[in-house]
Amino acid sequence: MKWTRRQVMGAVSVALTLWLAFGLADVRAESRKLSAADVAKVRAVSEAYAAAWLRNDPEAVLKLFSDDAVLIPQGRRPVEGIEAIKNFWWPAGGPRTTIKSFNVTTDEVGGAGDVAFVRGSYQFSFSYEDKGQTIELTNTGNYMMIMRRQPDGSWRISHRMWGDLPRK
């Protein structure tokens, strides 16, 4: 197939437009990458999350989330909003759960601008009472958190999802 001059110029124009659009987008994204200070703040929120669970402190856990946060639990529908999250993890009249250990490994931190993510794995053990009997379990799995920068410069969790690995 032989191209006309008009087709060649059109193809060059489209290619140049795409190159500029994606090239400039890459430059803009590069300039908005998280700073080392922001990465440290995001990691600190992730560590505070595990520490609050280990202290069995619901208020400290919830304080790390934005008011419009969303949980995406494995095998369940999303839980939207801080009040729904509170009721999901600490239902009124539900069994008292005690976290015994909580180990988090952070495999990746990234983001740009006012959005960050943390990806990693976890292992925690907990106990609860059921009909007068103490049940102890350990969960291991993977997680992903998305955080948003708040107007005061702090970071809060806006989305959290996890998946437990099969028990051995």
N, C-alpha and C. Protein backbone atom coordinates (compact mmCIF):
# COMPACT_ATOMS: atom_id res chain seq x y z
N MET A 1 0.84 -1.17 0.00
CA MET A 1 0.00 0.00 0.00
C MET A 1 0.88 1.24 0.00
N LYS A 2 0.58 2.14 -0.86
CA LYS A 2 1.33 3.38 -0.97
C LYS A 2 0.55 4.49 -0.29
N TRP A 3 1.23 5.24 0.59
CA TRP A 3 0.59 6.31 1.33
C TRP A 3 0.72 7.62 0.56
N THR A 4 -0.32 8.44 0.65
CA THR A 4 -0.24 9.77 0.05
C THR A 4 0.47 10.69 1.04
N ARG A 5 0.90 11.80 0.51
CA ARG A 5 1.56 12.79 1.38
C ARG A 5 0.64 13.20 2.52
N ARG A 6 -0.63 13.38 2.24
CA ARG A 6 -1.62 13.78 3.25
C ARG A 6 -1.73 12.70 4.34
N GLN A 7 -1.74 11.41 3.97
CA GLN A 7 -1.83 10.32 4.95
C GLN A 7 -0.57 10.27 5.83
N VAL A 8 0.58 10.47 5.22
CA VAL A 8 1.83 10.47 5.97
C VAL A 8 1.83 11.62 6.97
N MET A 9 1.46 12.81 6.52
CA MET A 9 1.43 13.98 7.40
C MET A 9 0.40 13.78 8.52
N GLY A 10 -0.73 13.16 8.20
CA GLY A 10 -1.73 12.89 9.22
C GLY A 10 -1.21 11.90 10.26
N ALA A 11 -0.54 10.85 9.80
CA ALA A 11 0.02 9.84 10.71
C ALA A 11 1.10 10.47 11.59
N VAL A 12 1.95 11.31 11.00
CA VAL A 12 3.00 11.98 11.76
C VAL A 12 2.36 12.92 12.79
N SER A 13 1.32 13.63 12.39
CA SER A 13 0.64 14.53 13.30
C SER A 13 0.03 13.78 14.48
N VAL A 14 -0.63 12.65 14.21
CA VAL A 14 -1.21 11.84 15.28
C VAL A 14 -0.11 11.31 16.19
N ALA A 15 0.96 10.79 15.60
CA ALA A 15 2.07 10.24 16.40
C ALA A 15 2.70 11.33 17.27
N LEU A 16 2.91 12.52 16.68
CA LEU A 16 3.51 13.62 17.44
C LEU A 16 2.58 14.06 18.57
N THR A 17 1.28 14.13 18.29
CA THR A 17 0.32 14.51 19.33
C THR A 17 0.34 13.50 20.47
N LEU A 18 0.31 12.20 20.14
CA LEU A 18 0.35 11.16 21.17
C LEU A 18 1.66 11.22 21.96
N TRP A 19 2.75 11.41 21.26
CA TRP A 19 4.05 11.46 21.95
C TRP A 19 4.10 12.64 22.91
N LEU A 20 3.62 13.80 22.43
CA LEU A 20 3.61 14.97 23.31
C LEU A 20 2.68 14.77 24.50
N ALA A 21 1.49 14.24 24.22
CA ALA A 21 0.52 14.05 25.30
C ALA A 21 1.07 13.10 26.35
N PHE A 22 1.57 11.94 25.93
CA PHE A 22 2.07 10.96 26.90
C PHE A 22 3.42 11.36 27.45
N GLY A 23 4.25 11.98 26.63
CA GLY A 23 5.55 12.45 27.11
C GLY A 23 5.41 13.51 28.18
N LEU A 24 4.52 14.49 27.93
CA LEU A 24 4.29 15.53 28.92
C LEU A 24 3.59 14.99 30.15
N ALA A 25 2.69 14.02 29.95
CA ALA A 25 2.03 13.40 31.10
C ALA A 25 3.06 12.73 31.98
N ASP A 26 4.04 12.06 31.37
CA ASP A 26 5.09 11.41 32.15
C ASP A 26 5.91 12.45 32.92
N VAL A 27 6.21 13.59 32.28
CA VAL A 27 6.97 14.64 32.94
C VAL A 27 6.17 15.19 34.12
N ARG A 28 4.88 15.44 33.89
CA ARG A 28 4.04 15.95 34.98
C ARG A 28 3.96 14.95 36.12
N ALA A 29 3.75 13.67 35.80
CA ALA A 29 3.66 12.64 36.85
C ALA A 29 4.99 12.54 37.59
N GLU A 30 6.08 12.62 36.85
CA GLU A 30 7.41 12.53 37.47
C GLU A 30 7.60 13.67 38.45
N SER A 31 7.16 14.86 38.07
CA SER A 31 7.36 16.01 38.95
C SER A 31 6.43 15.97 40.15
N ARG A 32 5.38 15.16 40.10
CA ARG A 32 4.43 15.07 41.21
C ARG A 32 4.66 13.81 42.04
N LYS A 33 5.68 13.04 41.76
CA LYS A 33 5.94 11.85 42.56
C LYS A 33 6.04 12.22 44.03
N LEU A 34 5.74 11.24 44.88
CA LEU A 34 5.81 11.50 46.31
C LEU A 34 7.24 11.84 46.72
N SER A 35 7.35 12.79 47.59
CA SER A 35 8.67 13.14 48.14
C SER A 35 9.07 12.07 49.15
N ALA A 36 10.33 12.07 49.52
CA ALA A 36 10.81 11.14 50.55
C ALA A 36 10.07 11.38 51.86
N ALA A 37 9.76 12.63 52.17
CA ALA A 37 9.02 12.95 53.39
C ALA A 37 7.61 12.38 53.33
N ASP A 38 6.95 12.47 52.17
CA ASP A 38 5.61 11.91 52.03
C ASP A 38 5.64 10.39 52.13
N VAL A 39 6.63 9.76 51.52
CA VAL A 39 6.75 8.30 51.63
C VAL A 39 6.90 7.91 53.11
N ALA A 40 7.70 8.65 53.84
CA ALA A 40 7.89 8.36 55.27
C ALA A 40 6.57 8.53 56.03
N LYS A 41 5.79 9.57 55.71
CA LYS A 41 4.50 9.79 56.38
C LYS A 41 3.52 8.67 56.06
N VAL A 42 3.50 8.23 54.82
CA VAL A 42 2.61 7.15 54.40
C VAL A 42 3.00 5.85 55.12
N ARG A 43 4.29 5.57 55.18
CA ARG A 43 4.75 4.38 55.92
C ARG A 43 4.37 4.48 57.39
N ALA A 44 4.46 5.66 57.96
CA ALA A 44 4.12 5.85 59.37
C ALA A 44 2.64 5.56 59.63
N VAL A 45 1.77 5.94 58.70
CA VAL A 45 0.34 5.63 58.85
C VAL A 45 0.14 4.12 58.82
N SER A 46 0.82 3.45 57.90
CA SER A 46 0.71 1.99 57.81
C SER A 46 1.17 1.33 59.10
N GLU A 47 2.27 1.81 59.66
CA GLU A 47 2.79 1.25 60.92
C GLU A 47 1.86 1.58 62.08
N ALA A 48 1.28 2.78 62.08
CA ALA A 48 0.35 3.17 63.14
C ALA A 48 -0.91 2.31 63.10
N TYR A 49 -1.31 1.91 61.91
CA TYR A 49 -2.48 1.05 61.75
C TYR A 49 -2.25 -0.28 62.48
N ALA A 50 -1.13 -0.93 62.22
CA ALA A 50 -0.83 -2.20 62.89
C ALA A 50 -0.68 -2.00 64.39
N ALA A 51 -0.02 -0.93 64.80
CA ALA A 51 0.19 -0.66 66.23
C ALA A 51 -1.14 -0.44 66.95
N ALA A 52 -2.07 0.27 66.32
CA ALA A 52 -3.37 0.52 66.94
C ALA A 52 -4.16 -0.77 67.12
N TRP A 53 -4.09 -1.64 66.12
CA TRP A 53 -4.75 -2.95 66.26
C TRP A 53 -4.10 -3.74 67.39
N LEU A 54 -2.80 -3.70 67.46
CA LEU A 54 -2.08 -4.46 68.50
C LEU A 54 -2.43 -3.95 69.90
N ARG A 55 -2.72 -2.66 70.02
CA ARG A 55 -3.14 -2.08 71.31
C ARG A 55 -4.63 -2.34 71.57
N ASN A 56 -5.32 -2.95 70.58
CA ASN A 56 -6.77 -3.17 70.68
C ASN A 56 -7.49 -1.86 70.95
N ASP A 57 -7.15 -0.85 70.13
CA ASP A 57 -7.64 0.51 70.29
C ASP A 57 -8.48 0.93 69.08
N PRO A 58 -9.80 0.66 69.10
CA PRO A 58 -10.64 0.99 67.95
C PRO A 58 -10.59 2.46 67.54
N GLU A 59 -10.56 3.38 68.51
CA GLU A 59 -10.54 4.80 68.18
C GLU A 59 -9.27 5.16 67.41
N ALA A 60 -8.14 4.58 67.83
CA ALA A 60 -6.88 4.87 67.14
C ALA A 60 -6.89 4.29 65.72
N VAL A 61 -7.50 3.13 65.54
CA VAL A 61 -7.60 2.54 64.19
C VAL A 61 -8.45 3.45 63.32
N LEU A 62 -9.63 3.81 63.80
CA LEU A 62 -10.56 4.61 62.99
C LEU A 62 -10.02 6.00 62.68
N LYS A 63 -9.22 6.56 63.57
CA LYS A 63 -8.65 7.89 63.37
C LYS A 63 -7.74 7.94 62.13
N LEU A 64 -7.24 6.79 61.70
CA LEU A 64 -6.33 6.73 60.55
C LEU A 64 -7.07 6.75 59.21
N PHE A 65 -8.40 6.63 59.25
CA PHE A 65 -9.20 6.58 58.03
C PHE A 65 -9.86 7.93 57.76
N SER A 66 -10.08 8.22 56.49
CA SER A 66 -10.88 9.38 56.12
C SER A 66 -12.34 9.07 56.42
N ASP A 67 -13.16 10.10 56.61
CA ASP A 67 -14.58 9.90 56.94
C ASP A 67 -15.32 9.11 55.86
N ASP A 68 -14.88 9.24 54.61
CA ASP A 68 -15.55 8.56 53.50
C ASP A 68 -14.80 7.30 53.06
N ALA A 69 -14.00 6.74 53.95
CA ALA A 69 -13.18 5.57 53.62
C ALA A 69 -14.03 4.37 53.21
N VAL A 70 -13.40 3.47 52.47
CA VAL A 70 -14.05 2.25 52.00
C VAL A 70 -13.15 1.06 52.32
N LEU A 71 -13.74 0.05 52.98
CA LEU A 71 -13.06 -1.23 53.16
C LEU A 71 -13.56 -2.17 52.08
N ILE A 72 -12.67 -3.00 51.56
CA ILE A 72 -13.06 -4.01 50.60
C ILE A 72 -12.59 -5.35 51.14
N PRO A 73 -13.41 -5.96 52.03
CA PRO A 73 -13.01 -7.23 52.64
C PRO A 73 -13.13 -8.38 51.63
N GLN A 74 -12.27 -9.34 51.81
CA GLN A 74 -12.30 -10.52 50.95
C GLN A 74 -13.66 -11.20 51.04
N GLY A 75 -14.26 -11.45 49.88
CA GLY A 75 -15.51 -12.19 49.83
C GLY A 75 -16.74 -11.46 50.32
N ARG A 76 -16.65 -10.16 50.50
CA ARG A 76 -17.79 -9.38 50.99
C ARG A 76 -17.96 -8.11 50.17
N ARG A 77 -19.10 -7.51 50.32
CA ARG A 77 -19.36 -6.23 49.66
C ARG A 77 -18.55 -5.13 50.35
N PRO A 78 -18.25 -4.06 49.63
CA PRO A 78 -17.53 -2.94 50.25
C PRO A 78 -18.29 -2.36 51.44
N VAL A 79 -17.52 -1.87 52.40
CA VAL A 79 -18.05 -1.22 53.59
C VAL A 79 -17.68 0.25 53.46
N GLU A 80 -18.68 1.11 53.34
CA GLU A 80 -18.44 2.52 53.01
C GLU A 80 -18.75 3.45 54.17
N GLY A 81 -17.79 4.30 54.52
CA GLY A 81 -17.97 5.31 55.55
C GLY A 81 -17.46 4.85 56.90
N ILE A 82 -17.01 5.80 57.68
CA ILE A 82 -16.35 5.50 58.95
C ILE A 82 -17.30 4.81 59.93
N GLU A 83 -18.57 5.20 59.96
CA GLU A 83 -19.52 4.56 60.89
C GLU A 83 -19.76 3.11 60.49
N ALA A 84 -19.89 2.84 59.20
CA ALA A 84 -20.09 1.46 58.73
C ALA A 84 -18.84 0.61 59.01
N ILE A 85 -17.66 1.22 58.89
CA ILE A 85 -16.42 0.50 59.19
C ILE A 85 -16.39 0.14 60.68
N LYS A 86 -16.75 1.09 61.51
CA LYS A 86 -16.79 0.83 62.96
C LYS A 86 -17.73 -0.33 63.26
N ASN A 87 -18.92 -0.32 62.67
CA ASN A 87 -19.89 -1.39 62.90
C ASN A 87 -19.45 -2.72 62.31
N PHE A 88 -18.68 -2.69 61.24
CA PHE A 88 -18.17 -3.93 60.63
C PHE A 88 -17.14 -4.59 61.55
N TRP A 89 -16.18 -3.81 62.04
CA TRP A 89 -15.11 -4.38 62.86
C TRP A 89 -15.50 -4.54 64.33
N TRP A 90 -16.34 -3.66 64.83
CA TRP A 90 -16.72 -3.70 66.25
C TRP A 90 -18.24 -3.61 66.37
N PRO A 91 -18.95 -4.66 65.95
CA PRO A 91 -20.41 -4.59 66.00
C PRO A 91 -20.91 -4.55 67.45
N ALA A 92 -21.97 -3.76 67.66
CA ALA A 92 -22.58 -3.70 68.99
C ALA A 92 -23.05 -5.10 69.37
N GLY A 93 -22.68 -5.53 70.55
CA GLY A 93 -23.09 -6.85 71.03
C GLY A 93 -22.29 -8.00 70.44
N GLY A 94 -21.30 -7.69 69.60
CA GLY A 94 -20.47 -8.74 69.01
C GLY A 94 -19.44 -9.26 70.01
N PRO A 95 -18.80 -10.36 69.68
CA PRO A 95 -17.80 -10.92 70.61
C PRO A 95 -16.59 -10.00 70.73
N ARG A 96 -16.04 -9.93 71.92
CA ARG A 96 -14.82 -9.14 72.14
C ARG A 96 -13.65 -9.88 71.52
N THR A 97 -13.01 -9.22 70.59
CA THR A 97 -11.85 -9.80 69.91
C THR A 97 -10.60 -9.14 70.46
N THR A 98 -9.57 -9.93 70.74
CA THR A 98 -8.30 -9.41 71.23
C THR A 98 -7.21 -9.78 70.24
N ILE A 99 -6.54 -8.77 69.72
CA ILE A 99 -5.41 -9.00 68.82
C ILE A 99 -4.21 -9.38 69.67
N LYS A 100 -3.57 -10.50 69.33
CA LYS A 100 -2.42 -11.01 70.09
C LYS A 100 -1.10 -10.61 69.44
N SER A 101 -1.08 -10.61 68.11
CA SER A 101 0.12 -10.20 67.36
C SER A 101 -0.34 -9.61 66.03
N PHE A 102 0.47 -8.70 65.48
CA PHE A 102 0.14 -8.09 64.20
C PHE A 102 1.45 -7.70 63.53
N ASN A 103 1.84 -8.44 62.52
CA ASN A 103 3.08 -8.17 61.78
C ASN A 103 2.72 -7.78 60.35
N VAL A 104 3.25 -6.66 59.92
CA VAL A 104 2.98 -6.15 58.59
C VAL A 104 4.31 -6.01 57.86
N THR A 105 4.34 -6.46 56.62
CA THR A 105 5.49 -6.25 55.74
C THR A 105 5.04 -5.32 54.63
N THR A 106 5.77 -4.24 54.44
CA THR A 106 5.48 -3.31 53.35
C THR A 106 6.38 -3.66 52.18
N ASP A 107 5.75 -4.05 51.07
CA ASP A 107 6.50 -4.42 49.87
C ASP A 107 6.65 -3.27 48.88
N GLU A 108 5.72 -2.31 48.94
CA GLU A 108 5.76 -1.23 47.97
C GLU A 108 5.00 -0.02 48.51
N VAL A 109 5.58 1.15 48.31
CA VAL A 109 4.92 2.42 48.59
C VAL A 109 5.08 3.27 47.34
N GLY A 110 4.01 3.88 46.88
CA GLY A 110 4.10 4.71 45.69
C GLY A 110 2.98 5.72 45.67
N GLY A 111 2.89 6.43 44.57
CA GLY A 111 1.83 7.41 44.40
C GLY A 111 2.35 8.66 43.74
N ALA A 112 1.47 9.62 43.62
CA ALA A 112 1.82 10.91 43.02
C ALA A 112 0.82 11.94 43.52
N GLY A 113 1.29 13.15 43.68
CA GLY A 113 0.41 14.22 44.10
C GLY A 113 -0.17 13.96 45.48
N ASP A 114 -1.49 13.92 45.56
CA ASP A 114 -2.18 13.76 46.84
C ASP A 114 -2.71 12.35 47.08
N VAL A 115 -2.25 11.38 46.29
CA VAL A 115 -2.70 9.99 46.43
C VAL A 115 -1.48 9.09 46.56
N ALA A 116 -1.55 8.17 47.53
CA ALA A 116 -0.46 7.22 47.75
C ALA A 116 -1.06 5.83 47.94
N PHE A 117 -0.23 4.82 47.75
CA PHE A 117 -0.66 3.46 48.03
C PHE A 117 0.43 2.71 48.77
N VAL A 118 0.01 1.71 49.52
CA VAL A 118 0.91 0.82 50.24
C VAL A 118 0.44 -0.60 49.95
N ARG A 119 1.37 -1.47 49.59
CA ARG A 119 1.05 -2.87 49.31
C ARG A 119 1.98 -3.74 50.11
N GLY A 120 1.45 -4.83 50.65
CA GLY A 120 2.31 -5.73 51.41
C GLY A 120 1.58 -6.97 51.88
N SER A 121 2.11 -7.56 52.93
CA SER A 121 1.53 -8.77 53.50
C SER A 121 1.39 -8.60 55.01
N TYR A 122 0.60 -9.46 55.60
CA TYR A 122 0.36 -9.36 57.04
C TYR A 122 0.21 -10.75 57.63
N GLN A 123 0.40 -10.80 58.94
CA GLN A 123 0.06 -11.97 59.72
C GLN A 123 -0.35 -11.47 61.10
N PHE A 124 -1.52 -11.88 61.53
CA PHE A 124 -1.94 -11.50 62.87
C PHE A 124 -2.66 -12.67 63.52
N SER A 125 -2.59 -12.68 64.83
CA SER A 125 -3.32 -13.70 65.59
C SER A 125 -4.26 -12.97 66.53
N PHE A 126 -5.38 -13.61 66.81
CA PHE A 126 -6.40 -13.00 67.65
C PHE A 126 -7.18 -14.08 68.38
N SER A 127 -7.90 -13.65 69.40
CA SER A 127 -8.78 -14.58 70.12
C SER A 127 -10.11 -13.88 70.37
N TYR A 128 -11.13 -14.70 70.54
CA TYR A 128 -12.45 -14.18 70.90
C TYR A 128 -13.21 -15.26 71.66
N GLU A 129 -14.22 -14.82 72.38
CA GLU A 129 -15.05 -15.74 73.17
C GLU A 129 -16.26 -16.15 72.36
N ASP A 130 -16.56 -17.43 72.36
CA ASP A 130 -17.75 -17.95 71.70
C ASP A 130 -18.38 -19.01 72.59
N LYS A 131 -19.53 -18.68 73.16
CA LYS A 131 -20.27 -19.59 74.05
C LYS A 131 -19.39 -20.06 75.20
N GLY A 132 -18.67 -19.11 75.79
CA GLY A 132 -17.83 -19.43 76.94
C GLY A 132 -16.50 -20.07 76.61
N GLN A 133 -16.23 -20.28 75.34
CA GLN A 133 -14.97 -20.90 74.92
C GLN A 133 -14.10 -19.87 74.19
N THR A 134 -12.79 -19.87 74.49
CA THR A 134 -11.87 -18.97 73.82
C THR A 134 -11.39 -19.61 72.52
N ILE A 135 -11.58 -18.90 71.41
CA ILE A 135 -11.14 -19.35 70.09
C ILE A 135 -9.92 -18.51 69.71
N GLU A 136 -8.85 -19.16 69.27
CA GLU A 136 -7.64 -18.45 68.82
C GLU A 136 -7.36 -18.81 67.37
N LEU A 137 -7.11 -17.77 66.56
CA LEU A 137 -6.86 -17.96 65.13
C LEU A 137 -5.70 -17.09 64.68
N THR A 138 -5.11 -17.48 63.56
CA THR A 138 -4.07 -16.68 62.92
C THR A 138 -4.45 -16.50 61.45
N ASN A 139 -4.34 -15.28 60.96
CA ASN A 139 -4.60 -14.97 59.55
C ASN A 139 -3.33 -14.46 58.91
N THR A 140 -3.11 -14.87 57.68
CA THR A 140 -1.98 -14.41 56.88
C THR A 140 -2.53 -14.04 55.51
N GLY A 141 -2.04 -12.96 54.95
CA GLY A 141 -2.53 -12.58 53.63
C GLY A 141 -1.81 -11.37 53.06
N ASN A 142 -2.44 -10.76 52.07
CA ASN A 142 -1.91 -9.60 51.36
C ASN A 142 -2.89 -8.44 51.51
N TYR A 143 -2.38 -7.23 51.42
CA TYR A 143 -3.24 -6.05 51.55
C TYR A 143 -2.81 -4.96 50.59
N MET A 144 -3.74 -4.05 50.37
CA MET A 144 -3.48 -2.83 49.60
C MET A 144 -4.25 -1.70 50.27
N MET A 145 -3.55 -0.60 50.51
CA MET A 145 -4.18 0.60 51.07
C MET A 145 -3.94 1.76 50.12
N ILE A 146 -4.96 2.56 49.98
CA ILE A 146 -4.82 3.82 49.26
C ILE A 146 -5.00 4.92 50.30
N MET A 147 -4.15 5.92 50.23
CA MET A 147 -4.23 7.05 51.16
C MET A 147 -4.34 8.34 50.38
N ARG A 148 -5.00 9.32 51.00
CA ARG A 148 -5.10 10.65 50.41
C ARG A 148 -4.51 11.67 51.37
N ARG A 149 -3.80 12.63 50.79
CA ARG A 149 -3.27 13.74 51.59
C ARG A 149 -4.44 14.61 52.03
N GLN A 150 -4.44 14.97 53.29
CA GLN A 150 -5.48 15.82 53.86
C GLN A 150 -5.06 17.29 53.74
N PRO A 151 -6.00 18.20 53.89
CA PRO A 151 -5.66 19.64 53.78
C PRO A 151 -4.53 20.08 54.71
N ASP A 152 -4.39 19.41 55.87
CA ASP A 152 -3.32 19.78 56.81
C ASP A 152 -1.98 19.12 56.49
N GLY A 153 -1.93 18.36 55.38
CA GLY A 153 -0.68 17.71 54.95
C GLY A 153 -0.52 16.30 55.48
N SER A 154 -1.39 15.87 56.39
CA SER A 154 -1.31 14.50 56.90
C SER A 154 -1.90 13.54 55.86
N TRP A 155 -1.71 12.26 56.06
CA TRP A 155 -2.23 11.23 55.17
C TRP A 155 -3.22 10.38 55.94
N ARG A 156 -4.33 10.03 55.28
CA ARG A 156 -5.32 9.13 55.87
C ARG A 156 -5.69 8.05 54.86
N ILE A 157 -6.08 6.91 55.40
CA ILE A 157 -6.47 5.77 54.56
C ILE A 157 -7.85 6.06 53.97
N SER A 158 -7.95 5.99 52.65
CA SER A 158 -9.24 6.19 51.99
C SER A 158 -9.84 4.85 51.54
N HIS A 159 -8.98 3.88 51.24
CA HIS A 159 -9.43 2.56 50.80
C HIS A 159 -8.47 1.51 51.36
N ARG A 160 -9.04 0.40 51.80
CA ARG A 160 -8.21 -0.73 52.26
C ARG A 160 -8.88 -2.01 51.81
N MET A 161 -8.08 -2.86 51.20
CA MET A 161 -8.58 -4.18 50.82
C MET A 161 -7.55 -5.23 51.23
N TRP A 162 -8.02 -6.43 51.46
CA TRP A 162 -7.13 -7.51 51.88
C TRP A 162 -7.69 -8.83 51.43
N GLY A 163 -6.79 -9.80 51.39
CA GLY A 163 -7.18 -11.17 51.07
C GLY A 163 -6.34 -12.13 51.90
N ASP A 164 -7.04 -12.98 52.65
CA ASP A 164 -6.35 -13.98 53.46
C ASP A 164 -5.83 -15.11 52.56
N LEU A 165 -4.66 -15.59 52.86
CA LEU A 165 -4.15 -16.77 52.17
C LEU A 165 -4.81 -18.01 52.76
N PRO A 166 -4.89 -19.09 52.00
CA PRO A 166 -5.51 -20.31 52.55
C PRO A 166 -4.75 -20.78 53.79
N ARG A 167 -5.49 -21.28 54.76
CA ARG A 167 -4.87 -21.84 55.97
C ARG A 167 -4.26 -23.18 55.64
N LYS A 168 -3.12 -23.43 56.27
CA LYS A 168 -2.43 -24.71 56.02
C LYS A 168 -2.93 -25.77 56.96
